PDB file of N, CA and C in Angstrom:
ATOM      1  N   MET A   1      85.357  54.131 145.860  1.00  0.00           N
ATOM      2  CA  MET A   1      84.978  55.495 145.584  1.00  0.00           C
ATOM      3  C   MET A   1      86.246  56.307 145.331  1.00  0.00           C
ATOM      4  N   LEU A   2      86.277  57.014 144.199  1.00  0.00           N
ATOM      5  CA  LEU A   2      87.484  57.723 143.790  1.00  0.00           C
ATOM      6  C   LEU A   2      87.643  59.052 144.521  1.00  0.00           C
ATOM      7  N   GLY A   3      86.662  59.450 145.295  1.00  0.00           N
ATOM      8  CA  GLY A   3      86.705  60.745 145.943  1.00  0.00           C
ATOM      9  C   GLY A   3      87.553  60.801 147.203  1.00  0.00           C
ATOM     10  N   THR A   4      87.931  59.682 147.764  1.00  0.00           N
ATOM     11  CA  THR A   4      88.703  59.703 149.005  1.00  0.00           C
ATOM     12  C   THR A   4      90.161  60.035 148.707  1.00  0.00           C
ATOM     13  N   PRO A   5      90.802  60.817 149.577  1.00  0.00           N
ATOM     14  CA  PRO A   5      92.204  61.208 149.343  1.00  0.00           C
ATOM     15  C   PRO A   5      93.157  60.023 149.289  1.00  0.00           C
ATOM     16  N   GLU A   6      92.908  59.001 150.132  1.00  0.00           N
ATOM     17  CA  GLU A   6      93.816  57.856 150.152  1.00  0.00           C
ATOM     18  C   GLU A   6      93.799  57.131 148.806  1.00  0.00           C
ATOM     19  N   LEU A   7      92.614  56.962 148.250  1.00  0.00           N
ATOM     20  CA  LEU A   7      92.490  56.273 146.979  1.00  0.00           C
ATOM     21  C   LEU A   7      93.114  57.088 145.852  1.00  0.00           C
ATOM     22  N   LYS A   8      92.970  58.401 145.934  1.00  0.00           N
ATOM     23  CA  LYS A   8      93.576  59.255 144.916  1.00  0.00           C
ATOM     24  C   LYS A   8      95.094  59.114 144.923  1.00  0.00           C
ATOM     25  N   ILE A   9      95.683  59.011 146.106  1.00  0.00           N
ATOM     26  CA  ILE A   9      97.138  58.859 146.199  1.00  0.00           C
ATOM     27  C   ILE A   9      97.553  57.504 145.632  1.00  0.00           C
ATOM     28  N   VAL A  10      96.796  56.448 145.934  1.00  0.00           N
ATOM     29  CA  VAL A  10      97.115  55.123 145.415  1.00  0.00           C
ATOM     30  C   VAL A  10      97.011  55.137 143.895  1.00  0.00           C
ATOM     31  N   VAL A  11      95.943  55.740 143.358  1.00  0.00           N
ATOM     32  CA  VAL A  11      95.775  55.826 141.913  1.00  0.00           C
ATOM     33  C   VAL A  11      96.918  56.632 141.319  1.00  0.00           C
ATOM     34  N   PHE A  12      97.289  57.725 141.973  1.00  0.00           N
ATOM     35  CA  PHE A  12      98.395  58.548 141.500  1.00  0.00           C
ATOM     36  C   PHE A  12      99.691  57.746 141.474  1.00  0.00           C
ATOM     37  N   CYS A  13      99.925  56.970 142.516  1.00  0.00           N
ATOM     38  CA  CYS A  13     101.148  56.149 142.562  1.00  0.00           C
ATOM     39  C   CYS A  13     101.130  55.105 141.460  1.00  0.00           C
ATOM     40  N   GLU A  14      99.960  54.512 141.204  1.00  0.00           N
ATOM     41  CA  GLU A  14      99.871  53.514 140.136  1.00  0.00           C
ATOM     42  C   GLU A  14     100.123  54.162 138.789  1.00  0.00           C
ATOM     43  N   LEU A  15      99.660  55.380 138.633  1.00  0.00           N
ATOM     44  CA  LEU A  15      99.923  56.094 137.393  1.00  0.00           C
ATOM     45  C   LEU A  15     101.413  56.365 137.226  1.00  0.00           C
ATOM     46  N   CYS A  16     102.091  56.515 138.334  1.00  0.00           N
ATOM     47  CA  CYS A  16     103.541  56.739 138.285  1.00  0.00           C
ATOM     48  C   CYS A  16     104.297  55.423 138.095  1.00  0.00           C
ATOM     49  N   ASN A  17     103.588  54.308 138.054  1.00  0.00           N
ATOM     50  CA  ASN A  17     104.175  52.974 137.881  1.00  0.00           C
ATOM     51  C   ASN A  17     105.137  52.617 139.013  1.00  0.00           C
ATOM     52  N   ASN A  18     104.873  53.133 140.195  1.00  0.00           N
ATOM     53  CA  ASN A  18     105.737  52.826 141.324  1.00  0.00           C
ATOM     54  C   ASN A  18     104.904  52.908 142.596  1.00  0.00           C
ATOM     55  N   GLU A  19     104.446  51.776 143.086  1.00  0.00           N
ATOM     56  CA  GLU A  19     103.592  51.757 144.265  1.00  0.00           C
ATOM     57  C   GLU A  19     104.378  52.007 145.544  1.00  0.00           C
ATOM     58  N   ASN A  20     105.661  51.825 145.510  1.00  0.00           N
ATOM     59  CA  ASN A  20     106.473  51.963 146.714  1.00  0.00           C
ATOM     60  C   ASN A  20     107.296  53.247 146.674  1.00  0.00           C
ATOM     61  N   MET A  21     106.722  54.333 146.177  1.00  0.00           N
ATOM     62  CA  MET A  21     107.457  55.602 146.119  1.00  0.00           C
ATOM     63  C   MET A  21     107.719  56.112 147.530  1.00  0.00           C
ATOM     64  N   SER A  22     108.837  56.736 147.703  1.00  0.00           N
ATOM     65  CA  SER A  22     109.110  57.338 149.004  1.00  0.00           C
ATOM     66  C   SER A  22     108.251  58.589 149.141  1.00  0.00           C
ATOM     67  N   ASP A  23     108.083  59.024 150.371  1.00  0.00           N
ATOM     68  CA  ASP A  23     107.267  60.211 150.624  1.00  0.00           C
ATOM     69  C   ASP A  23     107.821  61.429 149.888  1.00  0.00           C
ATOM     70  N   THR A  24     109.145  61.561 149.863  1.00  0.00           N
ATOM     71  CA  THR A  24     109.765  62.709 149.207  1.00  0.00           C
ATOM     72  C   THR A  24     109.470  62.703 147.714  1.00  0.00           C
ATOM     73  N   LYS A  25     109.594  61.526 147.100  1.00  0.00           N
ATOM     74  CA  LYS A  25     109.322  61.432 145.666  1.00  0.00           C
ATOM     75  C   LYS A  25     107.848  61.691 145.375  1.00  0.00           C
ATOM     76  N   LEU A  26     106.981  61.197 146.249  1.00  0.00           N
ATOM     77  CA  LEU A  26     105.547  61.401 146.067  1.00  0.00           C
ATOM     78  C   LEU A  26     105.199  62.888 146.186  1.00  0.00           C
ATOM     79  N   ILE A  27     105.756  63.523 147.188  1.00  0.00           N
ATOM     80  CA  ILE A  27     105.510  64.957 147.371  1.00  0.00           C
ATOM     81  C   ILE A  27     106.053  65.744 146.178  1.00  0.00           C
ATOM     82  N   GLN A  28     107.217  65.371 145.694  1.00  0.00           N
ATOM     83  CA  GLN A  28     107.799  66.053 144.543  1.00  0.00           C
ATOM     84  C   GLN A  28     106.930  65.857 143.305  1.00  0.00           C
ATOM     85  N   ALA A  29     106.415  64.646 143.131  1.00  0.00           N
ATOM     86  CA  ALA A  29     105.540  64.378 141.979  1.00  0.00           C
ATOM     87  C   ALA A  29     104.269  65.217 142.065  1.00  0.00           C
ATOM     88  N   VAL A  30     103.700  65.313 143.263  1.00  0.00           N
ATOM     89  CA  VAL A  30     102.503  66.135 143.454  1.00  0.00           C
ATOM     90  C   VAL A  30     102.827  67.603 143.177  1.00  0.00           C
ATOM     91  N   LEU A  31     103.953  68.080 143.686  1.00  0.00           N
ATOM     92  CA  LEU A  31     104.341  69.471 143.460  1.00  0.00           C
ATOM     93  C   LEU A  31     104.557  69.753 141.973  1.00  0.00           C
ATOM     94  N   ASP A  32     105.134  68.786 141.259  1.00  0.00           N
ATOM     95  CA  ASP A  32     105.325  68.957 139.817  1.00  0.00           C
ATOM     96  C   ASP A  32     103.984  69.102 139.109  1.00  0.00           C
ATOM     97  N   LYS A  33     103.025  68.259 139.493  1.00  0.00           N
ATOM     98  CA  LYS A  33     101.692  68.347 138.886  1.00  0.00           C
ATOM     99  C   LYS A  33     101.026  69.682 139.225  1.00  0.00           C
ATOM    100  N   VAL A  34     101.168  70.124 140.460  1.00  0.00           N
ATOM    101  CA  VAL A  34     100.584  71.403 140.874  1.00  0.00           C
ATOM    102  C   VAL A  34     101.225  72.549 140.098  1.00  0.00           C
ATOM    103  N   THR A  35     102.527  72.487 139.905  1.00  0.00           N
ATOM    104  CA  THR A  35     103.230  73.522 139.152  1.00  0.00           C
ATOM    105  C   THR A  35     102.736  73.569 137.708  1.00  0.00           C
ATOM    106  N   LYS A  36     102.573  72.412 137.097  1.00  0.00           N
ATOM    107  CA  LYS A  36     102.057  72.360 135.720  1.00  0.00           C
ATOM    108  C   LYS A  36     100.647  72.931 135.650  1.00  0.00           C
ATOM    109  N   LEU A  37      99.847  72.597 136.644  1.00  0.00           N
ATOM    110  CA  LEU A  37      98.476  73.110 136.683  1.00  0.00           C
ATOM    111  C   LEU A  37      98.471  74.628 136.856  1.00  0.00           C
ATOM    112  N   ASP A  38      99.350  75.142 137.717  1.00  0.00           N
ATOM    113  CA  ASP A  38      99.463  76.593 137.897  1.00  0.00           C
ATOM    114  C   ASP A  38      99.847  77.283 136.596  1.00  0.00           C
ATOM    115  N   GLU A  39     100.771  76.687 135.848  1.00  0.00           N
ATOM    116  CA  GLU A  39     101.186  77.273 134.571  1.00  0.00           C
ATOM    117  C   GLU A  39     100.022  77.314 133.587  1.00  0.00           C
ATOM    118  N   LYS A  40      99.229  76.237 133.545  1.00  0.00           N
ATOM    119  CA  LYS A  40      98.067  76.199 132.650  1.00  0.00           C
ATOM    120  C   LYS A  40      97.049  77.265 133.051  1.00  0.00           C
ATOM    121  N   VAL A  41      96.826  77.410 134.343  1.00  0.00           N
ATOM    122  CA  VAL A  41      95.870  78.408 134.826  1.00  0.00           C
ATOM    123  C   VAL A  41      96.364  79.815 134.489  1.00  0.00           C
ATOM    124  N   ASP A  42      97.659  80.064 134.676  1.00  0.00           N
ATOM    125  CA  ASP A  42      98.222  81.374 134.350  1.00  0.00           C
ATOM    126  C   ASP A  42      98.057  81.689 132.869  1.00  0.00           C
ATOM    127  N   LYS A  43      98.301  80.706 132.000  1.00  0.00           N
ATOM    128  CA  LYS A  43      98.120  80.910 130.556  1.00  0.00           C
ATOM    129  C   LYS A  43      96.659  81.221 130.255  1.00  0.00           C
ATOM    130  N   GLY A  44      95.765  80.521 130.925  1.00  0.00           N
ATOM    131  CA  GLY A  44      94.334  80.754 130.716  1.00  0.00           C
ATOM    132  C   GLY A  44      93.928  82.149 131.138  1.00  0.00           C
ATOM    133  N   PHE A  45      94.461  82.626 132.267  1.00  0.00           N
ATOM    134  CA  PHE A  45      94.128  83.969 132.725  1.00  0.00           C
ATOM    135  C   PHE A  45      94.681  85.033 131.789  1.00  0.00           C
ATOM    136  N   LYS A  46      95.875  84.799 131.245  1.00  0.00           N
ATOM    137  CA  LYS A  46      96.439  85.760 130.294  1.00  0.00           C
ATOM    138  C   LYS A  46      95.564  85.845 129.050  1.00  0.00           C
ATOM    139  N   GLY A  47      95.120  84.694 128.554  1.00  0.00           N
ATOM    140  CA  GLY A  47      94.224  84.680 127.394  1.00  0.00           C
ATOM    141  C   GLY A  47      92.898  85.340 127.709  1.00  0.00           C
ATOM    142  N   LEU A  48      92.385  85.089 128.907  1.00  0.00           N
ATOM    143  CA  LEU A  48      91.126  85.686 129.325  1.00  0.00           C
ATOM    144  C   LEU A  48      91.256  87.195 129.453  1.00  0.00           C
ATOM    145  N   LYS A  49      92.388  87.649 129.969  1.00  0.00           N
ATOM    146  CA  LYS A  49      92.603  89.092 130.107  1.00  0.00           C
ATOM    147  C   LYS A  49      92.591  89.759 128.734  1.00  0.00           C
ATOM    148  N   GLY A  50      93.227  89.133 127.749  1.00  0.00           N
ATOM    149  CA  GLY A  50      93.214  89.679 126.388  1.00  0.00           C
ATOM    150  C   GLY A  50      91.810  89.747 125.822  1.00  0.00           C
ATOM    151  N   GLU A  51      91.007  88.716 126.062  1.00  0.00           N
ATOM    152  CA  GLU A  51      89.625  88.710 125.590  1.00  0.00           C
ATOM    153  C   GLU A  51      88.813  89.812 126.274  1.00  0.00           C
ATOM    154  N   ILE A  52      89.047  90.021 127.551  1.00  0.00           N
ATOM    155  CA  ILE A  52      88.325  91.070 128.282  1.00  0.00           C
ATOM    156  C   ILE A  52      88.659  92.434 127.695  1.00  0.00           C
ATOM    157  N   VAL A  53      89.939  92.681 127.404  1.00  0.00           N
ATOM    158  CA  VAL A  53      90.343  93.958 126.810  1.00  0.00           C
ATOM    159  C   VAL A  53      89.685  94.132 125.449  1.00  0.00           C
ATOM    160  N   ASN A  54      89.690  93.084 124.624  1.00  0.00           N
ATOM    161  CA  ASN A  54      89.048  93.167 123.308  1.00  0.00           C
ATOM    162  C   ASN A  54      87.561  93.448 123.437  1.00  0.00           C
ATOM    163  N   ASN A  55      86.901  92.764 124.355  1.00  0.00           N
ATOM    164  CA  ASN A  55      85.463  92.983 124.550  1.00  0.00           C
ATOM    165  C   ASN A  55      85.185  94.384 125.073  1.00  0.00           C
ATOM    166  N   ARG A  56      86.048  94.881 125.960  1.00  0.00           N
ATOM    167  CA  ARG A  56      85.856  96.232 126.490  1.00  0.00           C
ATOM    168  C   ARG A  56      85.958  97.254 125.361  1.00  0.00           C
ATOM    169  N   ASN A  57      86.918  97.062 124.457  1.00  0.00           N
ATOM    170  CA  ASN A  57      87.050  97.981 123.323  1.00  0.00           C
ATOM    171  C   ASN A  57      85.823  97.922 122.428  1.00  0.00           C
ATOM    172  N   ARG A  58      85.313  96.720 122.186  1.00  0.00           N
ATOM    173  CA  ARG A  58      84.114  96.586 121.354  1.00  0.00           C
ATOM    174  C   ARG A  58      82.917  97.238 122.020  1.00  0.00           C
ATOM    175  N   ILE A  59      82.784  97.065 123.330  1.00  0.00           N
ATOM    176  CA  ILE A  59      81.670  97.672 124.062  1.00  0.00           C
ATOM    177  C   ILE A  59      81.779  99.194 124.016  1.00  0.00           C
ATOM    178  N   ASP A  60      82.997  99.716 124.144  1.00  0.00           N
ATOM    179  CA  ASP A  60      83.189 101.169 124.065  1.00  0.00           C
ATOM    180  C   ASP A  60      82.768 101.698 122.701  1.00  0.00           C
ATOM    181  N   LYS A  61      83.137 101.005 121.627  1.00  0.00           N
ATOM    182  CA  LYS A  61      82.750 101.430 120.279  1.00  0.00           C
ATOM    183  C   LYS A  61      81.235 101.394 120.114  1.00  0.00           C
ATOM    184  N   LEU A  62      80.615 100.314 120.597  1.00  0.00           N
ATOM    185  CA  LEU A  62      79.158 100.206 120.489  1.00  0.00           C
ATOM    186  C   LEU A  62      78.460 101.293 121.308  1.00  0.00           C
ATOM    187  N   GLY A  63      79.002 101.589 122.459  1.00  0.00           N
ATOM    188  CA  GLY A  63      78.428 102.651 123.292  1.00  0.00           C
ATOM    189  C   GLY A  63      78.509 103.996 122.607  1.00  0.00           C
ATOM    190  N   LEU A  64      79.643 104.269 121.966  1.00  0.00           N
ATOM    191  CA  LEU A  64      79.802 105.526 121.240  1.00  0.00           C
ATOM    192  C   LEU A  64      78.820 105.596 120.079  1.00  0.00           C
ATOM    193  N   GLN A  65      78.687 104.515 119.331  1.00  0.00           N
ATOM    194  CA  GLN A  65      77.732 104.488 118.220  1.00  0.00           C
ATOM    195  C   GLN A  65      76.306 104.678 118.712  1.00  0.00           C
ATOM    196  N   LEU A  66      75.970 104.069 119.833  1.00  0.00           N
ATOM    197  CA  LEU A  66      74.629 104.216 120.393  1.00  0.00           C
ATOM    198  C   LEU A  66      74.389 105.654 120.847  1.00  0.00           C
ATOM    199  N   ALA A  67      75.387 106.276 121.450  1.00  0.00           N
ATOM    200  CA  ALA A  67      75.246 107.662 121.877  1.00  0.00           C
ATOM    201  C   ALA A  67      75.055 108.583 120.675  1.00  0.00           C
ATOM    202  N   GLU A  68      75.806 108.357 119.609  1.00  0.00           N
ATOM    203  CA  GLU A  68      75.650 109.171 118.408  1.00  0.00           C
ATOM    204  C   GLU A  68      74.279 108.962 117.783  1.00  0.00           C
ATOM    205  N   LEU A  69      73.808 107.719 117.791  1.00  0.00           N
ATOM    206  CA  LEU A  69      72.482 107.424 117.256  1.00  0.00           C
ATOM    207  C   LEU A  69      71.402 108.108 118.087  1.00  0.00           C
ATOM    208  N   ALA A  70      71.570 108.095 119.389  1.00  0.00           N
ATOM    209  CA  ALA A  70      70.600 108.748 120.269  1.00  0.00           C
ATOM    210  C   ALA A  70      70.590 110.252 120.026  1.00  0.00           C
ATOM    211  N   ASP A  71      71.743 110.842 119.736  1.00  0.00           N
ATOM    212  CA  ASP A  71      71.793 112.277 119.450  1.00  0.00           C
ATOM    213  C   ASP A  71      71.067 112.607 118.160  1.00  0.00           C
ATOM    214  N   ASP A  72      71.125 111.712 117.182  1.00  0.00           N
ATOM    215  CA  ASP A  72      70.493 111.947 115.890  1.00  0.00           C
ATOM    216  C   ASP A  72      69.000 111.649 115.899  1.00  0.00           C
ATOM    217  N   ALA A  73      68.535 110.843 116.823  1.00  0.00           N
ATOM    218  CA  ALA A  73      67.139 110.415 116.832  1.00  0.00           C
ATOM    219  C   ALA A  73      66.230 111.536 117.325  1.00  0.00           C
ATOM    220  N   SER A  74      65.010 111.518 116.830  1.00  0.00           N
ATOM    221  CA  SER A  74      64.012 112.504 117.256  1.00  0.00           C
ATOM    222  C   SER A  74      63.509 112.159 118.644  1.00  0.00           C
ATOM    223  N   THR A  75      63.141 113.196 119.380  1.00  0.00           N
ATOM    224  CA  THR A  75      62.519 112.954 120.677  1.00  0.00           C
ATOM    225  C   THR A  75      61.052 112.606 120.442  1.00  0.00           C
ATOM    226  N   VAL A  76      60.376 112.175 121.479  1.00  0.00           N
ATOM    227  CA  VAL A  76      58.956 111.827 121.357  1.00  0.00           C
ATOM    228  C   VAL A  76      58.159 113.050 120.945  1.00  0.00           C
ATOM    229  N   GLU A  77      58.470 114.197 121.547  1.00  0.00           N
ATOM    230  CA  GLU A  77      57.746 115.431 121.213  1.00  0.00           C
ATOM    231  C   GLU A  77      57.976 115.820 119.758  1.00  0.00           C
ATOM    232  N   GLU A  78      59.211 115.726 119.295  1.00  0.00           N
ATOM    233  CA  GLU A  78      59.509 116.051 117.901  1.00  0.00           C
ATOM    234  C   GLU A  78      58.790 115.097 116.956  1.00  0.00           C
ATOM    235  N   PHE A  79      58.735 113.828 117.310  1.00  0.00           N
ATOM    236  CA  PHE A  79      58.052 112.853 116.479  1.00  0.00           C
ATOM    237  C   PHE A  79      56.552 113.150 116.421  1.00  0.00           C
ATOM    238  N   ASP A  80      55.968 113.498 117.573  1.00  0.00           N
ATOM    239  CA  ASP A  80      54.538 113.829 117.600  1.00  0.00           C
ATOM    240  C   ASP A  80      54.255 115.064 116.753  1.00  0.00           C
ATOM    241  N   ASN A  81      55.128 116.069 116.815  1.00  0.00           N
ATOM    242  CA  ASN A  81      54.938 117.272 115.994  1.00  0.00           C
ATOM    243  C   ASN A  81      55.024 116.930 114.511  1.00  0.00           C
ATOM    244  N   LEU A  82      55.954 116.064 114.134  1.00  0.00           N
ATOM    245  CA  LEU A  82      56.062 115.656 112.734  1.00  0.00           C
ATOM    246  C   LEU A  82      54.801 114.931 112.279  1.00  0.00           C
ATOM    247  N   GLU A  83      54.261 114.114 113.157  1.00  0.00           N
ATOM    248  CA  GLU A  83      53.038 113.384 112.815  1.00  0.00           C
ATOM    249  C   GLU A  83      51.888 114.353 112.570  1.00  0.00           C
ATOM    250  N   LYS A  84      51.791 115.396 113.388  1.00  0.00           N
ATOM    251  CA  LYS A  84      50.744 116.406 113.208  1.00  0.00           C
ATOM    252  C   LYS A  84      50.951 117.161 111.898  1.00  0.00           C
ATOM    253  N   ARG A  85      52.198 117.494 111.604  1.00  0.00           N
ATOM    254  CA  ARG A  85      52.479 118.236 110.368  1.00  0.00           C
ATOM    255  C   ARG A  85      52.157 117.398 109.136  1.00  0.00           C
ATOM    256  N   VAL A  86      52.493 116.121 109.179  1.00  0.00           N
ATOM    257  CA  VAL A  86      52.180 115.241 108.057  1.00  0.00           C
ATOM    258  C   VAL A  86      50.666 115.115 107.906  1.00  0.00           C
ATOM    259  N   GLY A  87      49.975 115.018 109.010  1.00  0.00           N
ATOM    260  CA  GLY A  87      48.509 114.934 108.967  1.00  0.00           C
ATOM    261  C   GLY A  87      47.904 116.164 108.322  1.00  0.00           C
ATOM    262  N   LYS A  88      48.429 117.355 108.647  1.00  0.00           N
ATOM    263  CA  LYS A  88      47.928 118.593 108.052  1.00  0.00           C
ATOM    264  C   LYS A  88      48.203 118.603 106.548  1.00  0.00           C
ATOM    265  N   LEU A  89      49.385 118.158 106.153  1.00  0.00           N
ATOM    266  CA  LEU A  89      49.742 118.125 104.727  1.00  0.00           C
ATOM    267  C   LEU A  89      48.860 117.164 103.949  1.00  0.00           C
ATOM    268  N   GLU A  90      48.510 116.050 104.577  1.00  0.00           N
ATOM    269  CA  GLU A  90      47.661 115.076 103.908  1.00  0.00           C
ATOM    270  C   GLU A  90      46.254 115.623 103.677  1.00  0.00           C
ATOM    271  N   LYS A  91      45.782 116.503 104.579  1.00  0.00           N
ATOM    272  CA  LYS A  91      44.434 117.061 104.475  1.00  0.00           C
ATOM    273  C   LYS A  91      44.372 118.165 103.421  1.00  0.00           C
ATOM    274  N   GLN A  92      45.502 118.820 103.143  1.00  0.00           N
ATOM    275  CA  GLN A  92      45.507 119.902 102.149  1.00  0.00           C
ATOM    276  C   GLN A  92      45.364 119.322 100.759  1.00  0.00           C
ATOM    277  N   PRO A  93      44.597 120.043  99.898  1.00  0.00           N
ATOM    278  CA  PRO A  93      44.491 119.574  98.519  1.00  0.00           C
ATOM    279  C   PRO A  93      45.822 119.772  97.801  1.00  0.00           C
ATOM    280  N   ALA A  94      46.136 118.872  96.953  1.00  0.00           N
ATOM    281  CA  ALA A  94      47.385 118.965  96.192  1.00  0.00           C
ATOM    282  C   ALA A  94      47.236 120.027  95.134  1.00  0.00           C
ATOM    283  N   SER A  95      48.169 120.953  95.076  1.00  0.00           N
ATOM    284  CA  SER A  95      48.135 121.985  94.028  1.00  0.00           C
ATOM    285  C   SER A  95      49.053 121.600  92.917  1.00  0.00           C
ATOM    286  N   VAL A  96      48.547 121.726  91.733  1.00  0.00           N
ATOM    287  CA  VAL A  96      49.316 121.324  90.560  1.00  0.00           C
ATOM    288  C   VAL A  96      49.839 122.534  89.849  1.00  0.00           C
TER     289      VAL A  96
END
């Protein structure tokens, strides 16, 4: 089972092509891998932060457009009044 810590260390040592590594070298190799992983994670977070800023700007623009659209749109009462007015106009005879 690959999930046990002891087996992971043995596999790691085999990957290093040296089964008889000293503890210091093994610890240093692990620290090197951890450092590389930290660098990758940091790069990922920087990229993610940029995407979040871009998305926030897009959301702000969409929110502004939606607010402007809402200001231009008729209210329910205004729409109902227009419907009544159109109905009255339709009932009137057309004058030529």
